[in-house]
PDB file of N, CA and C in Angstrom:
ATOM      1  N   MET A   1     -46.508 -51.964  46.076  1.00  0.00           N
ATOM      2  CA  MET A   1     -45.502 -51.019  46.488  1.00  0.00           C
ATOM      3  C   MET A   1     -44.302 -51.803  47.007  1.00  0.00           C
ATOM      4  N   ILE A   2     -43.128 -51.437  46.557  1.00  0.00           N
ATOM      5  CA  ILE A   2     -41.900 -52.040  47.051  1.00  0.00           C
ATOM      6  C   ILE A   2     -41.466 -51.265  48.286  1.00  0.00           C
ATOM      7  N   LYS A   3     -41.151 -51.999  49.338  1.00  0.00           N
ATOM      8  CA  LYS A   3     -40.726 -51.365  50.584  1.00  0.00           C
ATOM      9  C   LYS A   3     -39.279 -51.750  50.857  1.00  0.00           C
ATOM     10  N   VAL A   4     -38.426 -50.750  50.975  1.00  0.00           N
ATOM     11  CA  VAL A   4     -37.013 -50.958  51.278  1.00  0.00           C
ATOM     12  C   VAL A   4     -36.788 -50.482  52.705  1.00  0.00           C
ATOM     13  N   LYS A   5     -36.315 -51.388  53.554  1.00  0.00           N
ATOM     14  CA  LYS A   5     -36.049 -51.031  54.949  1.00  0.00           C
ATOM     15  C   LYS A   5     -34.565 -51.195  55.217  1.00  0.00           C
ATOM     16  N   LEU A   6     -33.962 -50.142  55.782  1.00  0.00           N
ATOM     17  CA  LEU A   6     -32.542 -50.134  56.102  1.00  0.00           C
ATOM     18  C   LEU A   6     -32.353 -49.877  57.577  1.00  0.00           C
ATOM     19  N   LYS A   7     -31.382 -50.547  58.159  1.00  0.00           N
ATOM     20  CA  LYS A   7     -30.998 -50.279  59.539  1.00  0.00           C
ATOM     21  C   LYS A   7     -29.477 -50.130  59.534  1.00  0.00           C
ATOM     22  N   ILE A   8     -29.028 -48.891  59.772  1.00  0.00           N
ATOM     23  CA  ILE A   8     -27.605 -48.572  59.726  1.00  0.00           C
ATOM     24  C   ILE A   8     -27.239 -47.838  61.009  1.00  0.00           C
ATOM     25  N   ASP A   9     -26.290 -48.374  61.755  1.00  0.00           N
ATOM     26  CA  ASP A   9     -25.807 -47.756  62.988  1.00  0.00           C
ATOM     27  C   ASP A   9     -26.949 -47.414  63.952  1.00  0.00           C
ATOM     28  N   GLY A  10     -27.922 -48.285  64.079  1.00  0.00           N
ATOM     29  CA  GLY A  10     -29.026 -48.065  65.010  1.00  0.00           C
ATOM     30  C   GLY A  10     -30.120 -47.160  64.486  1.00  0.00           C
ATOM     31  N   LYS A  11     -29.944 -46.600  63.321  1.00  0.00           N
ATOM     32  CA  LYS A  11     -30.980 -45.754  62.718  1.00  0.00           C
ATOM     33  C   LYS A  11     -31.734 -46.577  61.683  1.00  0.00           C
ATOM     34  N   ARG A  12     -33.054 -46.388  61.660  1.00  0.00           N
ATOM     35  CA  ARG A  12     -33.895 -47.129  60.726  1.00  0.00           C
ATOM     36  C   ARG A  12     -34.458 -46.191  59.668  1.00  0.00           C
ATOM     37  N   PHE A  13     -34.417 -46.656  58.430  1.00  0.00           N
ATOM     38  CA  PHE A  13     -34.976 -45.916  57.304  1.00  0.00           C
ATOM     39  C   PHE A  13     -35.918 -46.839  56.565  1.00  0.00           C
ATOM     40  N   SER A  14     -37.037 -46.300  56.122  1.00  0.00           N
ATOM     41  CA  SER A  14     -37.987 -47.042  55.310  1.00  0.00           C
ATOM     42  C   SER A  14     -38.289 -46.217  54.068  1.00  0.00           C
ATOM     43  N   ILE A  15     -38.083 -46.835  52.903  1.00  0.00           N
ATOM     44  CA  ILE A  15     -38.284 -46.123  51.637  1.00  0.00           C
ATOM     45  C   ILE A  15     -39.351 -46.859  50.835  1.00  0.00           C
ATOM     46  N   PRO A  16     -40.551 -46.300  50.730  1.00  0.00           N
ATOM     47  CA  PRO A  16     -41.581 -46.916  49.891  1.00  0.00           C
ATOM     48  C   PRO A  16     -41.421 -46.479  48.433  1.00  0.00           C
ATOM     49  N   VAL A  17     -41.526 -47.441  47.525  1.00  0.00           N
ATOM     50  CA  VAL A  17     -41.428 -47.145  46.095  1.00  0.00           C
ATOM     51  C   VAL A  17     -42.717 -47.629  45.437  1.00  0.00           C
ATOM     52  N   PRO A  18     -43.610 -46.700  45.078  1.00  0.00           N
ATOM     53  CA  PRO A  18     -44.877 -47.105  44.445  1.00  0.00           C
ATOM     54  C   PRO A  18     -44.649 -47.656  43.034  1.00  0.00           C
ATOM     55  N   TYR A  19     -45.563 -48.499  42.601  1.00  0.00           N
ATOM     56  CA  TYR A  19     -45.463 -49.090  41.271  1.00  0.00           C
ATOM     57  C   TYR A  19     -45.551 -48.042  40.169  1.00  0.00           C
ATOM     58  N   THR A  20     -46.230 -46.928  40.430  1.00  0.00           N
ATOM     59  CA  THR A  20     -46.309 -45.870  39.417  1.00  0.00           C
ATOM     60  C   THR A  20     -44.928 -45.275  39.163  1.00  0.00           C
ATOM     61  N   VAL A  21     -44.099 -45.197  40.204  1.00  0.00           N
ATOM     62  CA  VAL A  21     -42.726 -44.705  40.026  1.00  0.00           C
ATOM     63  C   VAL A  21     -41.919 -45.695  39.193  1.00  0.00           C
ATOM     64  N   LEU A  22     -42.126 -47.000  39.423  1.00  0.00           N
ATOM     65  CA  LEU A  22     -41.443 -48.011  38.616  1.00  0.00           C
ATOM     66  C   LEU A  22     -41.879 -47.942  37.155  1.00  0.00           C
ATOM     67  N   ASN A  23     -43.176 -47.741  36.914  1.00  0.00           N
ATOM     68  CA  ASN A  23     -43.664 -47.620  35.544  1.00  0.00           C
ATOM     69  C   ASN A  23     -43.089 -46.385  34.863  1.00  0.00           C
ATOM     70  N   LEU A  24     -43.020 -45.282  35.584  1.00  0.00           N
ATOM     71  CA  LEU A  24     -42.430 -44.064  35.031  1.00  0.00           C
ATOM     72  C   LEU A  24     -40.947 -44.271  34.736  1.00  0.00           C
ATOM     73  N   GLY A  25     -40.256 -44.956  35.641  1.00  0.00           N
ATOM     74  CA  GLY A  25     -38.840 -45.260  35.425  1.00  0.00           C
ATOM     75  C   GLY A  25     -38.631 -46.142  34.209  1.00  0.00           C
ATOM     76  N   SER A  26     -39.532 -47.084  33.979  1.00  0.00           N
ATOM     77  CA  SER A  26     -39.401 -47.953  32.807  1.00  0.00           C
ATOM     78  C   SER A  26     -39.611 -47.177  31.510  1.00  0.00           C
ATOM     79  N   VAL A  27     -40.486 -46.177  31.547  1.00  0.00           N
ATOM     80  CA  VAL A  27     -40.696 -45.333  30.361  1.00  0.00           C
ATOM     81  C   VAL A  27     -39.427 -44.540  30.056  1.00  0.00           C
ATOM     82  N   ILE A  28     -38.784 -44.040  31.093  1.00  0.00           N
ATOM     83  CA  ILE A  28     -37.565 -43.248  30.905  1.00  0.00           C
ATOM     84  C   ILE A  28     -36.414 -44.133  30.428  1.00  0.00           C
ATOM     85  N   ILE A  29     -36.265 -45.313  31.018  1.00  0.00           N
ATOM     86  CA  ILE A  29     -35.158 -46.203  30.654  1.00  0.00           C
ATOM     87  C   ILE A  29     -35.291 -46.710  29.224  1.00  0.00           C
ATOM     88  N   THR A  30     -36.515 -46.932  28.764  1.00  0.00           N
ATOM     89  CA  THR A  30     -36.714 -47.475  27.423  1.00  0.00           C
ATOM     90  C   THR A  30     -36.754 -46.402  26.340  1.00  0.00           C
ATOM     91  N   SER A  31     -36.566 -45.145  26.690  1.00  0.00           N
ATOM     92  CA  SER A  31     -36.626 -44.089  25.676  1.00  0.00           C
ATOM     93  C   SER A  31     -35.388 -44.120  24.779  1.00  0.00           C
ATOM     94  N   LYS A  32     -35.595 -43.805  23.519  1.00  0.00           N
ATOM     95  CA  LYS A  32     -34.500 -43.791  22.550  1.00  0.00           C
ATOM     96  C   LYS A  32     -33.501 -42.691  22.852  1.00  0.00           C
ATOM     97  N   LEU A  33     -33.993 -41.560  23.342  1.00  0.00           N
ATOM     98  CA  LEU A  33     -33.114 -40.438  23.649  1.00  0.00           C
ATOM     99  C   LEU A  33     -32.120 -40.800  24.750  1.00  0.00           C
ATOM    100  N   LEU A  34     -32.596 -41.414  25.823  1.00  0.00           N
ATOM    101  CA  LEU A  34     -31.711 -41.800  26.915  1.00  0.00           C
ATOM    102  C   LEU A  34     -30.700 -42.842  26.444  1.00  0.00           C
ATOM    103  N   ASN A  35     -31.145 -43.788  25.631  1.00  0.00           N
ATOM    104  CA  ASN A  35     -30.249 -44.813  25.107  1.00  0.00           C
ATOM    105  C   ASN A  35     -29.136 -44.168  24.280  1.00  0.00           C
ATOM    106  N   ARG A  36     -29.484 -43.194  23.466  1.00  0.00           N
ATOM    107  CA  ARG A  36     -28.498 -42.493  22.646  1.00  0.00           C
ATOM    108  C   ARG A  36     -27.496 -41.729  23.514  1.00  0.00           C
ATOM    109  N   ILE A  37     -27.991 -41.055  24.555  1.00  0.00           N
ATOM    110  CA  ILE A  37     -27.119 -40.277  25.446  1.00  0.00           C
ATOM    111  C   ILE A  37     -26.148 -41.193  26.192  1.00  0.00           C
ATOM    112  N   ILE A  38     -26.646 -42.323  26.683  1.00  0.00           N
ATOM    113  CA  ILE A  38     -25.795 -43.263  27.414  1.00  0.00           C
ATOM    114  C   ILE A  38     -24.719 -43.834  26.503  1.00  0.00           C
ATOM    115  N   ASN A  39     -25.109 -44.266  25.295  1.00  0.00           N
ATOM    116  CA  ASN A  39     -24.123 -44.837  24.373  1.00  0.00           C
ATOM    117  C   ASN A  39     -23.092 -43.804  23.936  1.00  0.00           C
ATOM    118  N   LYS A  40     -23.506 -42.561  23.785  1.00  0.00           N
ATOM    119  CA  LYS A  40     -22.559 -41.505  23.417  1.00  0.00           C
ATOM    120  C   LYS A  40     -21.539 -41.291  24.535  1.00  0.00           C
ATOM    121  N   ALA A  41     -22.002 -41.290  25.789  1.00  0.00           N
ATOM    122  CA  ALA A  41     -21.094 -41.112  26.927  1.00  0.00           C
ATOM    123  C   ALA A  41     -20.131 -42.293  27.052  1.00  0.00           C
ATOM    124  N   ILE A  42     -20.610 -43.493  26.787  1.00  0.00           N
ATOM    125  CA  ILE A  42     -19.748 -44.675  26.857  1.00  0.00           C
ATOM    126  C   ILE A  42     -18.690 -44.626  25.764  1.00  0.00           C
ATOM    127  N   ASN A  43     -19.092 -44.241  24.552  1.00  0.00           N
ATOM    128  CA  ASN A  43     -18.155 -44.201  23.435  1.00  0.00           C
ATOM    129  C   ASN A  43     -17.097 -43.118  23.603  1.00  0.00           C
ATOM    130  N   GLU A  44     -17.407 -42.040  24.302  1.00  0.00           N
ATOM    131  CA  GLU A  44     -16.415 -40.986  24.534  1.00  0.00           C
ATOM    132  C   GLU A  44     -15.269 -41.493  25.402  1.00  0.00           C
ATOM    133  N   ASN A  45     -15.538 -42.463  26.256  1.00  0.00           N
ATOM    134  CA  ASN A  45     -14.496 -43.030  27.112  1.00  0.00           C
ATOM    135  C   ASN A  45     -13.679 -44.096  26.397  1.00  0.00           C
ATOM    136  N   GLY A  46     -14.022 -44.420  25.178  1.00  0.00           N
ATOM    137  CA  GLY A  46     -13.262 -45.388  24.398  1.00  0.00           C
ATOM    138  C   GLY A  46     -13.664 -46.831  24.632  1.00  0.00           C
ATOM    139  N   SER A  47     -14.771 -47.068  25.275  1.00  0.00           N
ATOM    140  CA  SER A  47     -15.219 -48.430  25.545  1.00  0.00           C
ATOM    141  C   SER A  47     -15.948 -48.982  24.323  1.00  0.00           C
ATOM    142  N   LYS A  48     -15.848 -50.292  24.136  1.00  0.00           N
ATOM    143  CA  LYS A  48     -16.528 -50.938  23.017  1.00  0.00           C
ATOM    144  C   LYS A  48     -17.919 -51.436  23.413  1.00  0.00           C
ATOM    145  N   PHE A  49     -18.285 -51.273  24.671  1.00  0.00           N
ATOM    146  CA  PHE A  49     -19.588 -51.708  25.168  1.00  0.00           C
ATOM    147  C   PHE A  49     -20.667 -50.743  24.710  1.00  0.00           C
ATOM    148  N   ASN A  50     -21.827 -51.258  24.333  1.00  0.00           N
ATOM    149  CA  ASN A  50     -22.997 -50.450  24.007  1.00  0.00           C
ATOM    150  C   ASN A  50     -24.134 -50.838  24.931  1.00  0.00           C
ATOM    151  N   PHE A  51     -24.825 -49.829  25.449  1.00  0.00           N
ATOM    152  CA  PHE A  51     -25.988 -50.069  26.291  1.00  0.00           C
ATOM    153  C   PHE A  51     -27.089 -50.660  25.420  1.00  0.00           C
ATOM    154  N   PRO A  52     -27.638 -51.829  25.781  1.00  0.00           N
ATOM    155  CA  PRO A  52     -28.628 -52.472  24.916  1.00  0.00           C
ATOM    156  C   PRO A  52     -29.957 -51.721  24.899  1.00  0.00           C
ATOM    157  N   LYS A  53     -30.638 -51.811  23.770  1.00  0.00           N
ATOM    158  CA  LYS A  53     -31.960 -51.207  23.646  1.00  0.00           C
ATOM    159  C   LYS A  53     -32.967 -52.104  24.359  1.00  0.00           C
ATOM    160  N   ILE A  54     -33.783 -51.517  25.218  1.00  0.00           N
ATOM    161  CA  ILE A  54     -34.783 -52.255  25.973  1.00  0.00           C
ATOM    162  C   ILE A  54     -36.167 -51.823  25.490  1.00  0.00           C
ATOM    163  N   ASP A  55     -36.991 -52.792  25.157  1.00  0.00           N
ATOM    164  CA  ASP A  55     -38.351 -52.485  24.713  1.00  0.00           C
ATOM    165  C   ASP A  55     -39.290 -52.440  25.902  1.00  0.00           C
ATOM    166  N   ARG A  56     -40.206 -51.505  25.875  1.00  0.00           N
ATOM    167  CA  ARG A  56     -41.189 -51.350  26.953  1.00  0.00           C
ATOM    168  C   ARG A  56     -42.064 -52.589  27.078  1.00  0.00           C
ATOM    169  N   LYS A  57     -42.383 -53.218  25.938  1.00  0.00           N
ATOM    170  CA  LYS A  57     -43.248 -54.399  25.981  1.00  0.00           C
ATOM    171  C   LYS A  57     -42.571 -55.577  26.675  1.00  0.00           C
ATOM    172  N   ASP A  58     -41.236 -55.579  26.741  1.00  0.00           N
ATOM    173  CA  ASP A  58     -40.518 -56.633  27.453  1.00  0.00           C
ATOM    174  C   ASP A  58     -40.561 -56.417  28.966  1.00  0.00           C
ATOM    175  N   LEU A  59     -40.596 -55.172  29.417  1.00  0.00           N
ATOM    176  CA  LEU A  59     -40.623 -54.861  30.840  1.00  0.00           C
ATOM    177  C   LEU A  59     -42.018 -54.944  31.448  1.00  0.00           C
ATOM    178  N   LYS A  60     -43.039 -54.782  30.622  1.00  0.00           N
ATOM    179  CA  LYS A  60     -44.409 -54.725  31.126  1.00  0.00           C
ATOM    180  C   LYS A  60     -44.813 -56.001  31.886  1.00  0.00           C
ATOM    181  N   PRO A  61     -44.553 -57.220  31.374  1.00  0.00           N
ATOM    182  CA  PRO A  61     -44.919 -58.417  32.152  1.00  0.00           C
ATOM    183  C   PRO A  61     -44.146 -58.515  33.473  1.00  0.00           C
ATOM    184  N   PHE A  62     -42.911 -58.048  33.483  1.00  0.00           N
ATOM    185  CA  PHE A  62     -42.111 -58.063  34.709  1.00  0.00           C
ATOM    186  C   PHE A  62     -42.748 -57.169  35.769  1.00  0.00           C
ATOM    187  N   LEU A  63     -43.139 -55.965  35.387  1.00  0.00           N
ATOM    188  CA  LEU A  63     -43.763 -55.036  36.336  1.00  0.00           C
ATOM    189  C   LEU A  63     -45.119 -55.547  36.809  1.00  0.00           C
ATOM    190  N   GLN A  64     -45.872 -56.191  35.923  1.00  0.00           N
ATOM    191  CA  GLN A  64     -47.148 -56.768  36.324  1.00  0.00           C
ATOM    192  C   GLN A  64     -46.944 -57.930  37.287  1.00  0.00           C
ATOM    193  N   GLY A  65     -45.887 -58.710  37.082  1.00  0.00           N
ATOM    194  CA  GLY A  65     -45.576 -59.816  37.980  1.00  0.00           C
ATOM    195  C   GLY A  65     -45.204 -59.336  39.372  1.00  0.00           C
ATOM    196  N   LEU A  66     -44.531 -58.191  39.449  1.00  0.00           N
ATOM    197  CA  LEU A  66     -44.191 -57.635  40.751  1.00  0.00           C
ATOM    198  C   LEU A  66     -45.437 -57.300  41.555  1.00  0.00           C
ATOM    199  N   SER A  67     -46.430 -56.714  40.900  1.00  0.00           N
ATOM    200  CA  SER A  67     -47.639 -56.314  41.615  1.00  0.00           C
ATOM    201  C   SER A  67     -48.484 -57.521  42.029  1.00  0.00           C
ATOM    202  N   LYS A  68     -48.380 -58.615  41.296  1.00  0.00           N
ATOM    203  CA  LYS A  68     -49.162 -59.813  41.638  1.00  0.00           C
ATOM    204  C   LYS A  68     -48.568 -60.567  42.826  1.00  0.00           C
ATOM    205  N   ASN A  69     -47.281 -60.409  43.069  1.00  0.00           N
ATOM    206  CA  ASN A  69     -46.606 -61.157  44.138  1.00  0.00           C
ATOM    207  C   ASN A  69     -46.319 -60.287  45.352  1.00  0.00           C
ATOM    208  N   SER A  70     -47.274 -59.489  45.770  1.00  0.00           N
ATOM    209  CA  SER A  70     -47.047 -58.615  46.920  1.00  0.00           C
ATOM    210  C   SER A  70     -46.843 -59.439  48.184  1.00  0.00           C
ATOM    211  N   GLY A  71     -45.976 -58.953  49.047  1.00  0.00           N
ATOM    212  CA  GLY A  71     -45.650 -59.649  50.282  1.00  0.00           C
ATOM    213  C   GLY A  71     -44.400 -60.511  50.176  1.00  0.00           C
ATOM    214  N   LEU A  72     -43.884 -60.687  48.973  1.00  0.00           N
ATOM    215  CA  LEU A  72     -42.694 -61.501  48.750  1.00  0.00           C
ATOM    216  C   LEU A  72     -41.448 -60.742  49.193  1.00  0.00           C
ATOM    217  N   ILE A  73     -40.581 -61.394  49.945  1.00  0.00           N
ATOM    218  CA  ILE A  73     -39.335 -60.765  50.385  1.00  0.00           C
ATOM    219  C   ILE A  73     -38.261 -61.081  49.348  1.00  0.00           C
ATOM    220  N   LEU A  74     -37.712 -60.043  48.729  1.00  0.00           N
ATOM    221  CA  LEU A  74     -36.687 -60.211  47.706  1.00  0.00           C
ATOM    222  C   LEU A  74     -35.292 -60.281  48.307  1.00  0.00           C
ATOM    223  N   VAL A  75     -35.006 -59.408  49.268  1.00  0.00           N
ATOM    224  CA  VAL A  75     -33.678 -59.345  49.885  1.00  0.00           C
ATOM    225  C   VAL A  75     -33.856 -59.237  51.388  1.00  0.00           C
ATOM    226  N   ASP A  76     -33.099 -60.049  52.131  1.00  0.00           N
ATOM    227  CA  ASP A  76     -33.067 -59.962  53.590  1.00  0.00           C
ATOM    228  C   ASP A  76     -31.624 -60.224  54.007  1.00  0.00           C
ATOM    229  N   THR A  77     -30.885 -59.161  54.260  1.00  0.00           N
ATOM    230  CA  THR A  77     -29.453 -59.265  54.509  1.00  0.00           C
ATOM    231  C   THR A  77     -29.085 -58.638  55.843  1.00  0.00           C
ATOM    232  N   LYS A  78     -28.237 -59.316  56.589  1.00  0.00           N
ATOM    233  CA  LYS A  78     -27.712 -58.785  57.847  1.00  0.00           C
ATOM    234  C   LYS A  78     -26.198 -58.941  57.819  1.00  0.00           C
ATOM    235  N   LEU A  79     -25.488 -57.841  57.998  1.00  0.00           N
ATOM    236  CA  LEU A  79     -24.031 -57.870  57.999  1.00  0.00           C
ATOM    237  C   LEU A  79     -23.492 -57.936  59.418  1.00  0.00           C
ATOM    238  N   LYS A  80     -22.212 -58.232  59.535  1.00  0.00           N
ATOM    239  CA  LYS A  80     -21.582 -58.349  60.853  1.00  0.00           C
ATOM    240  C   LYS A  80     -21.554 -57.021  61.603  1.00  0.00           C
ATOM    241  N   ASP A  81     -21.507 -55.910  60.871  1.00  0.00           N
ATOM    242  CA  ASP A  81     -21.454 -54.604  61.542  1.00  0.00           C
ATOM    243  C   ASP A  81     -22.821 -54.103  61.990  1.00  0.00           C
ATOM    244  N   GLY A  82     -23.865 -54.903  61.814  1.00  0.00           N
ATOM    245  CA  GLY A  82     -25.199 -54.538  62.279  1.00  0.00           C
ATOM    246  C   GLY A  82     -26.098 -53.915  61.221  1.00  0.00           C
ATOM    247  N   THR A  83     -25.593 -53.768  60.002  1.00  0.00           N
ATOM    248  CA  THR A  83     -26.387 -53.212  58.914  1.00  0.00           C
ATOM    249  C   THR A  83     -27.387 -54.262  58.430  1.00  0.00           C
ATOM    250  N   GLU A  84     -28.632 -53.836  58.286  1.00  0.00           N
ATOM    251  CA  GLU A  84     -29.680 -54.736  57.790  1.00  0.00           C
ATOM    252  C   GLU A  84     -30.388 -54.105  56.600  1.00  0.00           C
ATOM    253  N   VAL A  85     -30.685 -54.920  55.584  1.00  0.00           N
ATOM    254  CA  VAL A  85     -31.417 -54.454  54.421  1.00  0.00           C
ATOM    255  C   VAL A  85     -32.528 -55.474  54.121  1.00  0.00           C
ATOM    256  N   VAL A  86     -33.755 -54.976  53.994  1.00  0.00           N
ATOM    257  CA  VAL A  86     -34.901 -55.825  53.650  1.00  0.00           C
ATOM    258  C   VAL A  86     -35.645 -55.152  52.505  1.00  0.00           C
ATOM    259  N   VAL A  87     -35.837 -55.903  51.407  1.00  0.00           N
ATOM    260  CA  VAL A  87     -36.615 -55.406  50.272  1.00  0.00           C
ATOM    261  C   VAL A  87     -37.811 -56.333  50.126  1.00  0.00           C
ATOM    262  N   LYS A  88     -39.001 -55.750  50.240  1.00  0.00           N
ATOM    263  CA  LYS A  88     -40.240 -56.544  50.231  1.00  0.00           C
ATOM    264  C   LYS A  88     -41.228 -55.936  49.246  1.00  0.00           C
ATOM    265  N   LEU A  89     -41.907 -56.817  48.509  1.00  0.00           N
ATOM    266  CA  LEU A  89     -42.926 -56.341  47.566  1.00  0.00           C
ATOM    267  C   LEU A  89     -44.194 -56.013  48.299  1.00  0.00           C
TER     268      LEU A  89
END
């Protein structure tokens, strides 16, 4: 589970993101329908950029690697205004 902890203006927020949500998100991102919709929206604005096609088999080892490295801190940031962000596997 990915844990996102935020501290903004003295208030603390903790957002847990289970791996099942990440797997579901990867299924949605790699769908052909979503890719078509995104590219159509980009082309309507006149941009020459195309959203690349992502294969599910390419994301699967990445998601498995995340679950194997639990406890790893990905982001630990503290700003001058007191805002803190911590992302931990």
